[in-house]
Amino acid sequence: MHWHILGAGAIGTLWADLLMQAGHSVTLILRQANHSLEQGIQVIDSEKQHRCTPITETPAENSAPIHNLLVTTKAQHTLPALEPLLPRLGASTQVVLLQNGMGQQQAAADRLPTRKLWAATTTAGAWRESPARLHLVSLGQTQIGPWHSEQPQLPEGWDALGIELHGCTEIEQVLWRKLAINCAINPLTALHRCRNGELLSDPQRLQQMQQVCEEVEAVAAALGMSLFDQPLQQQASAVAQSTGNNLSSMLQDIRHGRATEIEQITGFLCDQADILGVDVPLNRNLLQQVRNLNSAKE
């Protein structure tokens, strides 16, 4: 099978390698041509390194149909990035959204002609030293499920990827769990300019995390959803502890002057709270503070 990947960051590049190792051919769709990728991408992990050589193109360079599309862009770029590709997508095109945040999945479903849409989330870790050098930290676990109930749990061709891959019938609940953890950690680390684990060592930050978690749980309860078997604060603290030295993606975006995914994380939560009539004052305050940081960078 041939897969196109929209979003050539660390996760998109990692999936290009995984798909090629599983016997698929891959085209990376780039915003602009990058000649450094012509010799392939060096993939480096703790034991070995190898080179993968996907095809590269920009949206303007090709008008041929796309039969299989993996989207790994930042959540806020999903629809703008998809727009020029829509004429190339058909009713039978498989589309997988592998991203943080929520809201863009339904927006994409409303915009796409295909009914073959999957949403996915991953704990895989990788970082790019350069566009042509990828460091693999961990393959982690990936959960994927159909956005429309009549679809199979896995896209065709994904059963041989050689990773821990779980097909889910309730992918929306899985995404809510990831969203809840992100709400509890990402905005606070971005605003306090701290590593994940440093949220736990400061009483004020810990209290803020507790309130964020209580507000998220109130929204989930209004939706009739139970997030975890234990309180969200406990779950979020465990994640912050296990990733203690990590810089959240939101903090990294702030440090590098990039737009964050706050609208698809805390923004989505606040939108749902508005619809449900749930009060989420701290999340709303954090949302505005991160928006202000974004605006200051523009």
C-alpha atoms as a PDB file:
ATOM      1  CA  MET A   1       0.000   0.000   0.000  1.00  0.00           C
ATOM      2  CA  HIS A   2       1.039   3.603  -0.463  1.00  0.00           C
ATOM      3  CA  TRP A   3       0.592   6.057   2.416  1.00  0.00           C
ATOM      4  CA  HIS A   4       0.817   9.828   2.289  1.00  0.00           C
ATOM      5  CA  ILE A   5       1.789  11.551   5.548  1.00  0.00           C
ATOM      6  CA  LEU A   6       0.742  15.142   6.194  1.00  0.00           C
ATOM      7  CA  GLY A   7       2.942  16.623   8.911  1.00  0.00           C
ATOM      8  CA  ALA A   8       6.641  15.766   8.763  1.00  0.00           C
ATOM      9  CA  GLY A   9       7.531  16.438  12.403  1.00  0.00           C
ATOM     10  CA  ALA A  10       8.933  13.814  14.757  1.00  0.00           C
ATOM     11  CA  ILE A  11       5.797  11.651  14.892  1.00  0.00           C
ATOM     12  CA  GLY A  12       5.087  11.908  11.160  1.00  0.00           C
ATOM     13  CA  THR A  13       8.693  10.975  10.378  1.00  0.00           C
ATOM     14  CA  LEU A  14       8.586   8.072  12.847  1.00  0.00           C
ATOM     15  CA  TRP A  15       5.423   6.718  11.226  1.00  0.00           C
ATOM     16  CA  ALA A  16       6.983   7.045   7.784  1.00  0.00           C
ATOM     17  CA  ASP A  17       9.738   4.735   9.014  1.00  0.00           C
ATOM     18  CA  LEU A  18       7.311   2.295  10.686  1.00  0.00           C
ATOM     19  CA  LEU A  19       5.111   2.063   7.592  1.00  0.00           C
ATOM     20  CA  MET A  20       8.107   1.531   5.318  1.00  0.00           C
ATOM     21  CA  GLN A  21       9.480  -1.192   7.611  1.00  0.00           C
ATOM     22  CA  ALA A  22       6.067  -2.889   7.341  1.00  0.00           C
ATOM     23  CA  GLY A  23       6.422  -2.964   3.555  1.00  0.00           C
ATOM     24  CA  HIS A  24       4.431   0.121   2.561  1.00  0.00           C
ATOM     25  CA  SER A  25       5.672   2.948   0.370  1.00  0.00           C
ATOM     26  CA  VAL A  26       5.403   6.456   1.826  1.00  0.00           C
ATOM     27  CA  THR A  27       5.177  10.037   0.597  1.00  0.00           C
ATOM     28  CA  LEU A  28       5.832  12.861   3.063  1.00  0.00           C
ATOM     29  CA  ILE A  29       3.800  15.953   2.168  1.00  0.00           C
ATOM     30  CA  LEU A  30       5.906  19.001   3.056  1.00  0.00           C
ATOM     31  CA  ARG A  31       4.881  22.646   3.349  1.00  0.00           C
ATOM     32  CA  GLN A  32       7.882  23.508   1.191  1.00  0.00           C
ATOM     33  CA  ALA A  33      10.530  21.488  -0.618  1.00  0.00           C
ATOM     34  CA  ASN A  34      13.433  20.297   1.543  1.00  0.00           C
ATOM     35  CA  HIS A  35      16.419  19.010  -0.411  1.00  0.00           C
ATOM     36  CA  SER A  36      18.081  17.668   2.745  1.00  0.00           C
ATOM     37  CA  LEU A  37      15.557  14.811   2.689  1.00  0.00           C
ATOM     38  CA  GLU A  38      16.546  13.620  -0.793  1.00  0.00           C
ATOM     39  CA  GLN A  39      19.142  11.239   0.679  1.00  0.00           C
ATOM     40  CA  GLY A  40      16.640   9.886   3.198  1.00  0.00           C
ATOM     41  CA  ILE A  41      16.182  10.151   6.955  1.00  0.00           C
ATOM     42  CA  GLN A  42      18.613   8.711   9.496  1.00  0.00           C
ATOM     43  CA  VAL A  43      16.627   6.982  12.273  1.00  0.00           C
ATOM     44  CA  ILE A  44      18.637   6.534  15.479  1.00  0.00           C
ATOM     45  CA  ASP A  45      17.737   4.592  18.617  1.00  0.00           C
ATOM     46  CA  SER A  46      19.754   3.288  21.568  1.00  0.00           C
ATOM     47  CA  GLU A  47      20.831   0.100  19.761  1.00  0.00           C
ATOM     48  CA  LYS A  48      21.195   0.896  16.071  1.00  0.00           C
ATOM     49  CA  GLN A  49      20.567   3.342  13.288  1.00  0.00           C
ATOM     50  CA  HIS A  50      19.228   2.958   9.791  1.00  0.00           C
ATOM     51  CA  ARG A  51      18.057   5.103   6.911  1.00  0.00           C
ATOM     52  CA  CYS A  52      14.562   5.338   5.462  1.00  0.00           C
ATOM     53  CA  THR A  53      13.875   7.100   2.187  1.00  0.00           C
ATOM     54  CA  PRO A  54      10.282   8.242   1.727  1.00  0.00           C
ATOM     55  CA  ILE A  55       9.191  10.192  -1.319  1.00  0.00           C
ATOM     56  CA  THR A  56       8.666  13.907  -0.624  1.00  0.00           C
ATOM     57  CA  GLU A  57       6.338  16.372  -2.291  1.00  0.00           C
ATOM     58  CA  THR A  58       4.592  19.673  -1.623  1.00  0.00           C
ATOM     59  CA  PRO A  59       0.793  20.004  -2.030  1.00  0.00           C
ATOM     60  CA  ALA A  60       1.261  21.951  -5.279  1.00  0.00           C
ATOM     61  CA  GLU A  61       3.514  19.327  -6.878  1.00  0.00           C
ATOM     62  CA  ASN A  62       0.990  16.536  -7.340  1.00  0.00           C
ATOM     63  CA  SER A  63      -2.710  16.151  -8.078  1.00  0.00           C
ATOM     64  CA  ALA A  64      -2.876  12.337  -8.163  1.00  0.00           C
ATOM     65  CA  PRO A  65      -5.456  10.639  -5.920  1.00  0.00           C
ATOM     66  CA  ILE A  66      -4.488   9.867  -2.326  1.00  0.00           C
ATOM     67  CA  HIS A  67      -5.763   6.487  -1.142  1.00  0.00           C
ATOM     68  CA  ASN A  68      -4.275   6.414   2.375  1.00  0.00           C
ATOM     69  CA  LEU A  69      -3.521   9.555   4.394  1.00  0.00           C
ATOM     70  CA  LEU A  70      -1.989   9.876   7.862  1.00  0.00           C
ATOM     71  CA  VAL A  71      -2.306  13.347   9.424  1.00  0.00           C
ATOM     72  CA  THR A  72       0.250  14.199  12.122  1.00  0.00           C
ATOM     73  CA  THR A  73       0.173  17.999  11.973  1.00  0.00           C
ATOM     74  CA  LYS A  74      -0.351  20.153  15.049  1.00  0.00           C
ATOM     75  CA  ALA A  75      -4.049  20.000  15.887  1.00  0.00           C
ATOM     76  CA  GLN A  76      -4.723  23.641  14.976  1.00  0.00           C
ATOM     77  CA  HIS A  77      -3.247  23.141  11.496  1.00  0.00           C
ATOM     78  CA  THR A  78      -5.437  20.157  10.585  1.00  0.00           C
ATOM     79  CA  LEU A  79      -8.077  21.815   8.404  1.00  0.00           C
ATOM     80  CA  PRO A  80      -5.800  24.403   6.721  1.00  0.00           C
ATOM     81  CA  ALA A  81      -3.326  21.632   5.855  1.00  0.00           C
ATOM     82  CA  LEU A  82      -6.062  19.306   4.580  1.00  0.00           C
ATOM     83  CA  GLU A  83      -7.779  21.937   2.435  1.00  0.00           C
ATOM     84  CA  PRO A  84      -5.471  21.803  -0.634  1.00  0.00           C
ATOM     85  CA  LEU A  85      -5.591  17.983  -0.556  1.00  0.00           C
ATOM     86  CA  LEU A  86      -9.392  17.626  -0.565  1.00  0.00           C
ATOM     87  CA  PRO A  87      -9.654  17.257  -4.387  1.00  0.00           C
ATOM     88  CA  ARG A  88      -7.284  14.277  -4.113  1.00  0.00           C
ATOM     89  CA  LEU A  89      -9.335  12.439  -1.475  1.00  0.00           C
ATOM     90  CA  GLY A  90     -12.176  10.141  -2.464  1.00  0.00           C
ATOM     91  CA  ALA A  91     -14.992   8.257  -0.777  1.00  0.00           C
ATOM     92  CA  SER A  92     -12.746   5.227  -0.244  1.00  0.00           C
ATOM     93  CA  THR A  93      -9.671   7.114   1.021  1.00  0.00           C
ATOM     94  CA  GLN A  94      -8.458   5.963   4.431  1.00  0.00           C
ATOM     95  CA  VAL A  95      -7.641   8.935   6.701  1.00  0.00           C
ATOM     96  CA  VAL A  96      -5.971   8.576  10.120  1.00  0.00           C
ATOM     97  CA  LEU A  97      -5.625  11.553  12.493  1.00  0.00           C
ATOM     98  CA  LEU A  98      -2.737  10.912  14.913  1.00  0.00           C
ATOM     99  CA  GLN A  99      -2.659  14.067  17.020  1.00  0.00           C
ATOM    100  CA  ASN A 100      -3.048  15.696  20.407  1.00  0.00           C
ATOM    101  CA  GLY A 101      -6.184  17.554  21.405  1.00  0.00           C
ATOM    102  CA  MET A 102      -9.825  17.276  20.429  1.00  0.00           C
ATOM    103  CA  GLY A 103     -12.272  19.078  18.202  1.00  0.00           C
ATOM    104  CA  GLN A 104     -10.317  18.719  14.981  1.00  0.00           C
ATOM    105  CA  GLN A 105     -11.496  15.114  14.547  1.00  0.00           C
ATOM    106  CA  GLN A 106     -15.158  16.060  14.151  1.00  0.00           C
ATOM    107  CA  ALA A 107     -14.227  19.144  12.126  1.00  0.00           C
ATOM    108  CA  ALA A 108     -12.272  16.910   9.738  1.00  0.00           C
ATOM    109  CA  ALA A 109     -15.121  14.382   9.595  1.00  0.00           C
ATOM    110  CA  ASP A 110     -17.486  17.183   8.571  1.00  0.00           C
ATOM    111  CA  ARG A 111     -15.108  18.349   5.844  1.00  0.00           C
ATOM    112  CA  LEU A 112     -13.860  15.079   4.352  1.00  0.00           C
ATOM    113  CA  PRO A 113     -15.650  13.166   1.603  1.00  0.00           C
ATOM    114  CA  THR A 114     -14.490   9.834   3.028  1.00  0.00           C
ATOM    115  CA  ARG A 115     -16.301   7.789   5.659  1.00  0.00           C
ATOM    116  CA  LYS A 116     -13.092   5.910   6.428  1.00  0.00           C
ATOM    117  CA  LEU A 117     -11.761   8.090   9.234  1.00  0.00           C
ATOM    118  CA  TRP A 118      -9.794   6.952  12.284  1.00  0.00           C
ATOM    119  CA  ALA A 119      -8.512   8.895  15.280  1.00  0.00           C
ATOM    120  CA  ALA A 120      -5.422   7.801  17.171  1.00  0.00           C
ATOM    121  CA  THR A 121      -3.222   8.795  20.074  1.00  0.00           C
ATOM    122  CA  THR A 122       0.259   7.585  20.941  1.00  0.00           C
ATOM    123  CA  THR A 123       2.777   7.625  23.765  1.00  0.00           C
ATOM    124  CA  ALA A 124       5.646   7.112  21.305  1.00  0.00           C
ATOM    125  CA  GLY A 125       8.575   9.418  21.904  1.00  0.00           C
ATOM    126  CA  ALA A 126      10.901  10.782  19.242  1.00  0.00           C
ATOM    127  CA  TRP A 127      12.704  14.024  18.485  1.00  0.00           C
ATOM    128  CA  ARG A 128      14.293  15.505  15.395  1.00  0.00           C
ATOM    129  CA  GLU A 129      17.890  16.679  15.509  1.00  0.00           C
ATOM    130  CA  SER A 130      17.223  17.978  11.991  1.00  0.00           C
ATOM    131  CA  PRO A 131      14.645  17.177   9.286  1.00  0.00           C
ATOM    132  CA  ALA A 132      16.916  14.325   8.153  1.00  0.00           C
ATOM    133  CA  ARG A 133      17.897  12.931  11.601  1.00  0.00           C
ATOM    134  CA  LEU A 134      15.297  11.368  13.894  1.00  0.00           C
ATOM    135  CA  HIS A 135      16.032  10.069  17.395  1.00  0.00           C
ATOM    136  CA  LEU A 136      13.651   7.364  18.627  1.00  0.00           C
ATOM    137  CA  VAL A 137      13.139   7.394  22.404  1.00  0.00           C
ATOM    138  CA  SER A 138      10.323   4.852  22.738  1.00  0.00           C
ATOM    139  CA  LEU A 139       7.680   3.271  20.529  1.00  0.00           C
ATOM    140  CA  GLY A 140       5.257   3.431  23.465  1.00  0.00           C
ATOM    141  CA  GLN A 141       1.659   2.426  22.916  1.00  0.00           C
ATOM    142  CA  THR A 142      -0.736   3.600  20.223  1.00  0.00           C
ATOM    143  CA  GLN A 143      -4.517   3.471  20.484  1.00  0.00           C
ATOM    144  CA  ILE A 144      -6.686   3.887  17.414  1.00  0.00           C
ATOM    145  CA  GLY A 145     -10.365   3.628  16.666  1.00  0.00           C
ATOM    146  CA  PRO A 146     -12.904   4.420  13.957  1.00  0.00           C
ATOM    147  CA  TRP A 147     -14.672   7.781  14.020  1.00  0.00           C
ATOM    148  CA  HIS A 148     -17.685   6.154  12.345  1.00  0.00           C
ATOM    149  CA  SER A 149     -19.085   3.021  13.972  1.00  0.00           C
ATOM    150  CA  GLU A 150     -19.436   1.008  10.761  1.00  0.00           C
ATOM    151  CA  GLN A 151     -15.661   0.950  10.157  1.00  0.00           C
ATOM    152  CA  PRO A 152     -13.187  -1.747  11.199  1.00  0.00           C
ATOM    153  CA  GLN A 153     -11.073  -0.965  14.271  1.00  0.00           C
ATOM    154  CA  LEU A 154      -7.816  -0.732  12.304  1.00  0.00           C
ATOM    155  CA  PRO A 155      -7.097   0.837   8.910  1.00  0.00           C
ATOM    156  CA  GLU A 156      -6.051  -1.617   6.236  1.00  0.00           C
ATOM    157  CA  GLY A 157      -2.313  -2.252   6.438  1.00  0.00           C
ATOM    158  CA  TRP A 158      -1.844  -1.268  10.094  1.00  0.00           C
ATOM    159  CA  ASP A 159      -1.954  -4.777  11.557  1.00  0.00           C
ATOM    160  CA  ALA A 160       1.720  -5.406  10.724  1.00  0.00           C
ATOM    161  CA  LEU A 161       3.360  -2.224  11.998  1.00  0.00           C
ATOM    162  CA  GLY A 162       5.413  -4.008  14.657  1.00  0.00           C
ATOM    163  CA  ILE A 163       4.353  -1.706  17.488  1.00  0.00           C
ATOM    164  CA  GLU A 164       2.023  -2.008  20.471  1.00  0.00           C
ATOM    165  CA  LEU A 165      -1.193  -1.048  18.690  1.00  0.00           C
ATOM    166  CA  HIS A 166      -4.643  -1.320  20.251  1.00  0.00           C
ATOM    167  CA  GLY A 167      -7.859  -1.013  18.280  1.00  0.00           C
ATOM    168  CA  CYS A 168     -10.605   0.714  20.289  1.00  0.00           C
ATOM    169  CA  THR A 169     -14.340   0.886  19.740  1.00  0.00           C
ATOM    170  CA  GLU A 170     -14.621   3.927  22.054  1.00  0.00           C
ATOM    171  CA  ILE A 171     -11.819   6.104  20.724  1.00  0.00           C
ATOM    172  CA  GLU A 172     -13.529   9.309  21.872  1.00  0.00           C
ATOM    173  CA  GLN A 173     -13.232   8.229  25.503  1.00  0.00           C
ATOM    174  CA  VAL A 174      -9.572   7.341  24.939  1.00  0.00           C
ATOM    175  CA  LEU A 175      -8.985  10.819  23.500  1.00  0.00           C
ATOM    176  CA  TRP A 176     -10.778  12.377  26.483  1.00  0.00           C
ATOM    177  CA  ARG A 177      -8.398  10.580  28.846  1.00  0.00           C
ATOM    178  CA  LYS A 178      -5.381  11.927  26.969  1.00  0.00           C
ATOM    179  CA  LEU A 179      -6.996  15.381  26.895  1.00  0.00           C
ATOM    180  CA  ALA A 180      -7.600  15.285  30.658  1.00  0.00           C
ATOM    181  CA  ILE A 181      -3.933  14.529  31.366  1.00  0.00           C
ATOM    182  CA  ASN A 182      -2.823  17.227  28.933  1.00  0.00           C
ATOM    183  CA  CYS A 183      -5.153  19.767  30.589  1.00  0.00           C
ATOM    184  CA  ALA A 184      -3.633  18.934  33.975  1.00  0.00           C
ATOM    185  CA  ILE A 185       0.010  19.192  32.890  1.00  0.00           C
ATOM    186  CA  ASN A 186       0.650  21.165  29.705  1.00  0.00           C
ATOM    187  CA  PRO A 187      -0.748  24.661  30.459  1.00  0.00           C
ATOM    188  CA  LEU A 188       0.747  24.699  33.960  1.00  0.00           C
ATOM    189  CA  THR A 189       4.210  23.685  32.757  1.00  0.00           C
ATOM    190  CA  ALA A 190       4.008  26.294  29.984  1.00  0.00           C
ATOM    191  CA  LEU A 191       3.037  29.096  32.373  1.00  0.00           C
ATOM    192  CA  HIS A 192       5.427  28.128  35.173  1.00  0.00           C
ATOM    193  CA  ARG A 193       8.222  27.344  32.671  1.00  0.00           C
ATOM    194  CA  CYS A 194       8.915  24.069  34.444  1.00  0.00           C
ATOM    195  CA  ARG A 195       9.471  20.399  33.696  1.00  0.00           C
ATOM    196  CA  ASN A 196       6.580  18.001  34.219  1.00  0.00           C
ATOM    197  CA  GLY A 197       7.898  16.668  37.518  1.00  0.00           C
ATOM    198  CA  GLU A 198       8.358  20.160  38.942  1.00  0.00           C
ATOM    199  CA  LEU A 199       4.579  20.547  39.137  1.00  0.00           C
ATOM    200  CA  LEU A 200       4.641  18.060  42.010  1.00  0.00           C
ATOM    201  CA  SER A 201       7.365  19.706  44.102  1.00  0.00           C
ATOM    202  CA  ASP A 202       5.699  23.108  44.500  1.00  0.00           C
ATOM    203  CA  PRO A 203       2.566  23.390  46.717  1.00  0.00           C
ATOM    204  CA  GLN A 204       0.983  26.169  44.620  1.00  0.00           C
ATOM    205  CA  ARG A 205       1.438  24.279  41.351  1.00  0.00           C
ATOM    206  CA  LEU A 206       0.142  21.087  42.937  1.00  0.00           C
ATOM    207  CA  GLN A 207      -2.955  22.907  44.196  1.00  0.00           C
ATOM    208  CA  GLN A 208      -3.559  24.337  40.724  1.00  0.00           C
ATOM    209  CA  MET A 209      -3.242  20.862  39.222  1.00  0.00           C
ATOM    210  CA  GLN A 210      -5.767  19.566  41.749  1.00  0.00           C
ATOM    211  CA  GLN A 211      -8.303  22.263  40.804  1.00  0.00           C
ATOM    212  CA  VAL A 212      -7.771  21.716  37.079  1.00  0.00           C
ATOM    213  CA  CYS A 213      -8.406  18.003  37.588  1.00  0.00           C
ATOM    214  CA  GLU A 214     -11.576  18.607  39.591  1.00  0.00           C
ATOM    215  CA  GLU A 215     -12.930  20.903  36.867  1.00  0.00           C
ATOM    216  CA  VAL A 216     -12.095  18.391  34.116  1.00  0.00           C
ATOM    217  CA  GLU A 217     -13.810  15.620  36.086  1.00  0.00           C
ATOM    218  CA  ALA A 218     -16.905  17.815  36.468  1.00  0.00           C
ATOM    219  CA  VAL A 219     -17.128  18.230  32.683  1.00  0.00           C
ATOM    220  CA  ALA A 220     -16.603  14.494  32.137  1.00  0.00           C
ATOM    221  CA  ALA A 221     -19.304  13.698  34.718  1.00  0.00           C
ATOM    222  CA  ALA A 222     -21.729  16.030  32.931  1.00  0.00           C
ATOM    223  CA  LEU A 223     -21.036  14.014  29.772  1.00  0.00           C
ATOM    224  CA  GLY A 224     -21.760  10.802  31.675  1.00  0.00           C
ATOM    225  CA  MET A 225     -18.147   9.726  31.314  1.00  0.00           C
ATOM    226  CA  SER A 226     -15.830   8.135  33.861  1.00  0.00           C
ATOM    227  CA  LEU A 227     -12.255   8.968  32.907  1.00  0.00           C
ATOM    228  CA  PHE A 228     -10.164   6.638  35.084  1.00  0.00           C
ATOM    229  CA  ASP A 229     -10.628   4.097  37.874  1.00  0.00           C
ATOM    230  CA  GLN A 230      -8.758   6.486  40.184  1.00  0.00           C
ATOM    231  CA  PRO A 231      -9.081  10.272  40.634  1.00  0.00           C
ATOM    232  CA  LEU A 232      -7.655  12.292  37.743  1.00  0.00           C
ATOM    233  CA  GLN A 233      -5.259  14.075  40.117  1.00  0.00           C
ATOM    234  CA  GLN A 234      -3.696  10.719  40.994  1.00  0.00           C
ATOM    235  CA  GLN A 235      -3.408   9.710  37.340  1.00  0.00           C
ATOM    236  CA  ALA A 236      -1.988  13.081  36.259  1.00  0.00           C
ATOM    237  CA  SER A 237       0.524  13.067  39.125  1.00  0.00           C
ATOM    238  CA  ALA A 238       1.699   9.589  38.113  1.00  0.00           C
ATOM    239  CA  VAL A 239       2.231  10.782  34.526  1.00  0.00           C
ATOM    240  CA  ALA A 240       4.044  13.930  35.704  1.00  0.00           C
ATOM    241  CA  GLN A 241       6.244  11.753  37.923  1.00  0.00           C
ATOM    242  CA  SER A 242       7.069   9.194  35.223  1.00  0.00           C
ATOM    243  CA  THR A 243       7.861  11.964  32.704  1.00  0.00           C
ATOM    244  CA  GLY A 244       9.457  14.161  35.357  1.00  0.00           C
ATOM    245  CA  ASN A 245      12.409  15.391  33.281  1.00  0.00           C
ATOM    246  CA  ASN A 246      10.335  16.019  30.160  1.00  0.00           C
ATOM    247  CA  LEU A 247       9.400  19.428  28.808  1.00  0.00           C
ATOM    248  CA  SER A 248       5.769  19.378  27.700  1.00  0.00           C
ATOM    249  CA  SER A 249       5.109  20.071  24.026  1.00  0.00           C
ATOM    250  CA  MET A 250       3.265  23.248  25.045  1.00  0.00           C
ATOM    251  CA  LEU A 251       6.271  24.581  26.958  1.00  0.00           C
ATOM    252  CA  GLN A 252       8.533  23.723  24.021  1.00  0.00           C
ATOM    253  CA  ASP A 253       6.201  25.602  21.667  1.00  0.00           C
ATOM    254  CA  ILE A 254       6.248  28.660  23.939  1.00  0.00           C
ATOM    255  CA  ARG A 255      10.049  28.551  24.196  1.00  0.00           C
ATOM    256  CA  HIS A 256      10.422  28.380  20.423  1.00  0.00           C
ATOM    257  CA  GLY A 257       7.835  31.065  19.685  1.00  0.00           C
ATOM    258  CA  ARG A 258       5.419  28.618  18.050  1.00  0.00           C
ATOM    259  CA  ALA A 259       1.639  28.581  18.350  1.00  0.00           C
ATOM    260  CA  THR A 260       0.485  26.063  20.964  1.00  0.00           C
ATOM    261  CA  GLU A 261      -2.324  23.510  20.864  1.00  0.00           C
ATOM    262  CA  ILE A 262      -4.087  25.229  23.788  1.00  0.00           C
ATOM    263  CA  GLU A 263      -7.319  25.715  21.784  1.00  0.00           C
ATOM    264  CA  GLN A 264      -7.608  21.974  21.101  1.00  0.00           C
ATOM    265  CA  ILE A 265      -6.784  21.066  24.719  1.00  0.00           C
ATOM    266  CA  THR A 266      -7.991  23.527  27.367  1.00  0.00           C
ATOM    267  CA  GLY A 267     -10.009  25.458  24.774  1.00  0.00           C
ATOM    268  CA  PHE A 268     -11.943  22.330  23.812  1.00  0.00           C
ATOM    269  CA  LEU A 269     -12.591  21.574  27.485  1.00  0.00           C
ATOM    270  CA  CYS A 270     -13.928  25.097  28.089  1.00  0.00           C
ATOM    271  CA  ASP A 271     -16.159  24.887  24.999  1.00  0.00           C
ATOM    272  CA  GLN A 272     -17.655  21.649  26.295  1.00  0.00           C
ATOM    273  CA  ALA A 273     -18.095  23.227  29.740  1.00  0.00           C
ATOM    274  CA  ASP A 274     -20.030  26.106  28.137  1.00  0.00           C
ATOM    275  CA  ILE A 275     -22.341  23.701  26.322  1.00  0.00           C
ATOM    276  CA  LEU A 276     -22.937  21.680  29.492  1.00  0.00           C
ATOM    277  CA  GLY A 277     -23.210  24.627  31.878  1.00  0.00           C
ATOM    278  CA  VAL A 278     -20.228  23.551  33.992  1.00  0.00           C
ATOM    279  CA  ASP A 279     -18.068  26.168  35.724  1.00  0.00           C
ATOM    280  CA  VAL A 280     -14.330  25.775  34.995  1.00  0.00           C
ATOM    281  CA  PRO A 281     -12.782  29.048  36.229  1.00  0.00           C
ATOM    282  CA  LEU A 282      -9.160  27.939  36.546  1.00  0.00           C
ATOM    283  CA  ASN A 283      -9.092  26.213  33.166  1.00  0.00           C
ATOM    284  CA  ARG A 284     -10.617  29.335  31.624  1.00  0.00           C
ATOM    285  CA  ASN A 285      -7.950  31.474  33.304  1.00  0.00           C
ATOM    286  CA  LEU A 286      -5.136  29.200  32.111  1.00  0.00           C
ATOM    287  CA  LEU A 287      -6.569  29.252  28.590  1.00  0.00           C
ATOM    288  CA  GLN A 288      -6.454  33.051  28.514  1.00  0.00           C
ATOM    289  CA  GLN A 289      -2.947  33.204  29.962  1.00  0.00           C
ATOM    290  CA  VAL A 290      -1.558  30.822  27.335  1.00  0.00           C
ATOM    291  CA  ARG A 291      -3.437  32.725  24.618  1.00  0.00           C
ATOM    292  CA  ASN A 292      -1.714  35.878  25.851  1.00  0.00           C
ATOM    293  CA  LEU A 293       1.666  34.154  25.602  1.00  0.00           C
ATOM    294  CA  ASN A 294       0.825  33.071  22.056  1.00  0.00           C
ATOM    295  CA  SER A 295      -0.187  36.628  21.134  1.00  0.00           C
ATOM    296  CA  ALA A 296       3.007  38.058  22.616  1.00  0.00           C
ATOM    297  CA  LYS A 297       5.018  35.833  20.265  1.00  0.00           C
ATOM    298  CA  GLU A 298       3.146  36.907  17.123  1.00  0.00           C
END
